[in-house]
Amino acid sequence: MPLRPQKAPEDEIRKCWLHLSTEQRCETMTFDDPKLVERIESAVQEMFVSHLMITRGANKDVLSTATFFTAAFEFIWDEVRLQPVLTMKSSFAANGDIFKVLRA
């Protein structure tokens, strides 16, 4: 049975994250695997459809509901690979302590 890698302590991860520039954070949090991006895009669409169905009768503006995903990531078109990629938004990557956001 293969050994499982040890989990890094959160404070070590936080330290590494804080030492990265905004550009390095965005690069680290860019996902270009076509199947992964396709599955994430599909899951996000399903979440929005589900949210629309749930709030259909309510007087809520669905688009004004900020979710972690839409606040942190965006799909962009990679001109070199000619495919969509998922990347962290610069404005979110500039946030010093995203760990608070992740726990919320």
Protein backbone atom coordinates (compact mmCIF):
# COMPACT_ATOMS: atom_id res chain seq x y z
CA MET A 1 0.00 0.00 0.00
CA PRO A 2 1.51 3.39 -1.01
CA LEU A 3 2.31 5.87 1.72
CA ARG A 4 0.20 9.00 1.88
CA PRO A 5 2.05 12.31 1.84
CA GLN A 6 2.05 14.16 5.12
CA LYS A 7 -0.21 17.15 5.39
CA ALA A 8 1.64 20.47 5.76
CA PRO A 9 0.69 22.59 8.79
CA GLU A 10 -1.53 25.57 7.96
CA ASP A 11 0.93 28.11 9.35
CA GLU A 12 3.64 26.77 7.02
CA ILE A 13 1.31 27.07 4.03
CA ARG A 14 0.29 30.58 5.12
CA LYS A 15 3.96 31.63 5.40
CA CYS A 16 4.72 30.33 1.91
CA TRP A 17 1.62 32.05 0.50
CA LEU A 18 2.52 35.39 2.07
CA HIS A 19 6.03 35.27 0.57
CA LEU A 20 4.63 34.97 -2.96
CA SER A 21 3.97 38.06 -5.06
CA THR A 22 0.47 38.63 -6.42
CA GLU A 23 1.62 37.40 -9.84
CA GLN A 24 3.15 34.25 -8.32
CA ARG A 25 -0.07 33.57 -6.39
CA CYS A 26 -2.12 33.87 -9.58
CA GLU A 27 0.29 31.62 -11.44
CA THR A 28 0.21 29.04 -8.64
CA MET A 29 -3.59 29.08 -8.65
CA THR A 30 -4.00 28.70 -12.42
CA PHE A 31 -5.45 25.43 -13.64
CA ASP A 32 -5.04 24.48 -17.29
CA ASP A 33 -5.89 20.79 -17.41
CA PRO A 34 -8.73 20.68 -19.98
CA LYS A 35 -10.75 17.99 -18.21
CA LEU A 36 -10.41 19.68 -14.81
CA VAL A 37 -11.42 23.08 -16.20
CA GLU A 38 -14.36 21.51 -18.03
CA ARG A 39 -15.58 19.76 -14.87
CA ILE A 40 -15.20 22.92 -12.76
CA GLU A 41 -17.03 25.01 -15.36
CA SER A 42 -19.84 22.46 -15.47
CA ALA A 43 -20.07 22.34 -11.66
CA VAL A 44 -20.20 26.14 -11.44
CA GLN A 45 -23.01 26.26 -14.01
CA GLU A 46 -24.92 23.62 -12.05
CA MET A 47 -24.47 25.61 -8.84
CA PHE A 48 -25.88 28.75 -10.43
CA VAL A 49 -28.83 26.87 -11.92
CA SER A 50 -29.54 25.28 -8.53
CA HIS A 51 -29.28 28.67 -6.86
CA LEU A 52 -31.69 30.13 -9.40
CA MET A 53 -34.17 27.34 -8.75
CA ILE A 54 -33.93 27.81 -4.99
CA THR A 55 -34.33 31.59 -5.09
CA ARG A 56 -36.88 31.62 -7.89
CA GLY A 57 -39.75 32.68 -5.69
CA ALA A 58 -37.68 34.98 -3.53
CA ASN A 59 -37.08 38.65 -4.28
CA LYS A 60 -33.32 38.26 -4.40
CA ASP A 61 -30.90 39.37 -7.06
CA VAL A 62 -28.98 36.15 -7.66
CA LEU A 63 -26.10 37.88 -9.38
CA SER A 64 -25.49 40.15 -6.39
CA THR A 65 -24.88 37.12 -4.19
CA ALA A 66 -21.10 36.99 -3.97
CA THR A 67 -19.71 33.50 -3.68
CA PHE A 68 -16.16 32.54 -2.93
CA PHE A 69 -15.67 31.07 -6.36
CA THR A 70 -16.80 34.06 -8.39
CA ALA A 71 -14.93 36.43 -6.10
CA ALA A 72 -11.69 34.48 -6.33
CA PHE A 73 -11.52 32.89 -9.78
CA GLU A 74 -12.25 33.58 -13.41
CA PHE A 75 -12.23 31.58 -16.61
CA ILE A 76 -9.96 33.08 -19.25
CA TRP A 77 -9.06 32.01 -22.77
CA ASP A 78 -5.45 30.91 -23.19
CA GLU A 79 -4.36 32.14 -26.63
CA VAL A 80 -1.34 29.82 -26.70
CA ARG A 81 -3.14 26.59 -25.79
CA LEU A 82 -6.41 27.67 -27.43
CA GLN A 83 -8.42 26.50 -24.44
CA PRO A 84 -10.03 27.96 -21.34
CA VAL A 85 -8.06 28.07 -18.10
CA LEU A 86 -9.16 28.82 -14.58
CA THR A 87 -7.10 31.43 -12.77
CA MET A 88 -7.24 33.32 -9.51
CA LYS A 89 -8.18 36.97 -9.89
CA SER A 90 -5.35 39.41 -9.16
CA SER A 91 -7.57 41.39 -6.80
CA PHE A 92 -8.20 38.25 -4.74
CA ALA A 93 -4.57 37.09 -4.89
CA ALA A 94 -3.46 40.48 -3.53
CA ASN A 95 -5.44 39.74 -0.38
CA GLY A 96 -2.89 38.98 2.31
CA ASP A 97 -4.95 36.52 4.28
CA ILE A 98 -7.22 34.48 2.07
CA PHE A 99 -7.38 31.85 4.79
CA LYS A 100 -9.98 33.94 6.64
CA VAL A 101 -12.09 34.00 3.49
CA LEU A 102 -11.74 30.25 3.06
CA ARG A 103 -12.99 29.66 6.60
CA ALA A 104 -16.00 31.95 6.24
